[in-house]
């Protein structure tokens, strides 16, 4: 049996980007089912319409790509991007502070 050493060039990350319509009840149901199926398949939400999954190899990534294709609703746009762990290691993320709503300003009493 051939040993394949896992390294940053063999490990893959899959990104699924999507923009699905949600105006009609069926569209909302289809979009929710798509997201639910991504989660069942081991994806994690990175942003609202961006999900990500780690795969041990290109072959594993190809299996998950084929599986995601079966989830895609009839309407909308879905893109899948595969990058190596080495490429993913160069990602730069920024998280802002969560904003708190400002306290209500008290009404001022005006004298004429």
Protein backbone atom coordinates (compact mmCIF):
# COMPACT_ATOMS: atom_id res chain seq x y z
CA UNK A 1 0.00 0.00 0.00
CA UNK A 2 1.38 3.38 -0.99
CA UNK A 3 1.74 5.89 1.83
CA UNK A 4 0.62 9.40 0.99
CA UNK A 5 2.00 11.92 3.40
CA UNK A 6 -0.48 14.63 4.27
CA UNK A 7 0.97 18.02 3.70
CA UNK A 8 -0.22 21.52 2.94
CA UNK A 9 -0.26 20.77 -0.80
CA UNK A 10 -2.46 17.66 -0.55
CA UNK A 11 -5.01 18.83 2.03
CA UNK A 12 -7.82 20.81 0.40
CA UNK A 13 -10.35 23.38 1.53
CA UNK A 14 -13.67 23.67 -0.26
CA UNK A 15 -15.53 26.96 -0.35
CA UNK A 16 -19.18 27.03 -1.40
CA UNK A 17 -20.45 30.49 -2.31
CA UNK A 18 -24.11 30.93 -3.12
CA UNK A 19 -26.78 33.47 -3.87
CA UNK A 20 -30.20 31.85 -3.73
CA UNK A 21 -33.57 33.53 -4.19
CA UNK A 22 -35.77 33.63 -1.09
CA UNK A 23 -38.78 35.67 -2.19
CA UNK A 24 -41.27 32.81 -2.47
CA UNK A 25 -42.03 30.19 0.17
CA UNK A 26 -40.63 27.34 -1.98
CA UNK A 27 -37.43 29.33 -2.64
CA UNK A 28 -36.93 29.89 1.11
CA UNK A 29 -37.50 26.19 1.75
CA UNK A 30 -35.04 25.20 -1.00
CA UNK A 31 -32.39 27.62 0.30
CA UNK A 32 -32.81 26.35 3.88
CA UNK A 33 -32.54 22.74 2.70
CA UNK A 34 -29.38 23.57 0.72
CA UNK A 35 -27.72 25.10 3.81
CA UNK A 36 -28.90 22.18 5.97
CA UNK A 37 -27.39 19.68 3.51
CA UNK A 38 -24.09 21.58 3.51
CA UNK A 39 -23.97 21.33 7.31
CA UNK A 40 -24.80 17.59 7.17
CA UNK A 41 -21.90 17.13 4.75
CA UNK A 42 -19.45 18.70 7.19
CA UNK A 43 -19.37 22.28 5.96
CA UNK A 44 -19.21 25.19 8.39
CA UNK A 45 -20.64 28.64 7.80
CA UNK A 46 -17.84 31.16 7.27
CA UNK A 47 -20.19 33.98 6.26
CA UNK A 48 -23.92 34.07 5.54
CA UNK A 49 -23.61 32.64 2.00
CA UNK A 50 -20.12 31.15 2.28
CA UNK A 51 -19.55 27.68 3.68
CA UNK A 52 -16.19 25.93 4.05
CA UNK A 53 -15.01 22.35 4.52
CA UNK A 54 -11.62 20.70 5.03
CA UNK A 55 -10.80 17.62 2.93
CA UNK A 56 -7.82 15.31 3.43
CA UNK A 57 -7.13 15.03 -0.31
CA UNK A 58 -8.17 16.17 -3.77
CA UNK A 59 -10.05 12.90 -4.19
CA UNK A 60 -12.05 13.59 -1.03
CA UNK A 61 -12.73 17.13 -2.25
CA UNK A 62 -14.02 15.76 -5.57
CA UNK A 63 -16.46 13.49 -3.71
CA UNK A 64 -17.84 16.44 -1.73
CA UNK A 65 -18.07 18.62 -4.84
CA UNK A 66 -20.19 15.92 -6.53
CA UNK A 67 -22.34 15.69 -3.40
CA UNK A 68 -22.88 19.47 -3.25
CA UNK A 69 -23.98 19.41 -6.91
CA UNK A 70 -26.86 17.14 -5.88
CA UNK A 71 -28.02 19.70 -3.26
CA UNK A 72 -28.16 22.72 -5.60
CA UNK A 73 -31.67 24.19 -5.97
CA UNK A 74 -33.15 24.90 -9.40
CA UNK A 75 -32.80 28.67 -9.00
CA UNK A 76 -29.88 30.80 -7.89
CA UNK A 77 -26.12 30.68 -8.24
CA UNK A 78 -23.69 28.33 -6.49
CA UNK A 79 -19.90 28.42 -6.91
CA UNK A 80 -17.40 25.95 -5.46
CA UNK A 81 -13.73 26.77 -5.01
CA UNK A 82 -11.06 24.25 -3.99
CA UNK A 83 -7.77 25.54 -2.59
CA UNK A 84 -4.85 23.77 -0.99
CA UNK A 85 -4.16 24.07 2.71
CA UNK A 86 -1.02 26.02 1.77
CA UNK A 87 -3.11 28.57 -0.17
CA UNK A 88 -5.72 28.75 2.59
CA UNK A 89 -2.93 29.47 5.07
CA UNK A 90 -2.46 32.86 3.41
CA UNK A 91 -6.01 34.00 4.19
CA UNK A 92 -6.36 37.26 6.09
CA UNK A 93 -9.50 37.64 8.21
CA UNK A 94 -10.78 40.73 9.94
CA UNK A 95 -13.49 40.75 12.56
CA UNK A 96 -14.96 44.01 13.73
CA UNK A 97 -16.26 44.65 17.18
CA UNK A 98 -19.89 43.84 17.69
CA UNK A 99 -21.73 47.09 17.96
CA UNK A 100 -24.14 47.73 20.77
CA UNK A 101 -27.15 49.90 20.09
CA UNK A 102 -26.71 53.38 21.48
CA UNK A 103 -28.80 54.13 24.54
CA UNK A 104 -31.87 56.19 23.81
CA UNK A 105 -31.11 59.86 24.20
CA UNK A 106 -33.35 61.50 26.76
CA UNK A 107 -35.85 64.00 25.49
CA UNK A 108 -34.87 67.55 26.25
CA UNK A 109 -37.38 69.91 27.66
CA UNK A 110 -37.59 73.08 25.60
CA UNK A 111 -38.65 76.42 27.03
CA UNK A 112 -39.89 79.13 24.73
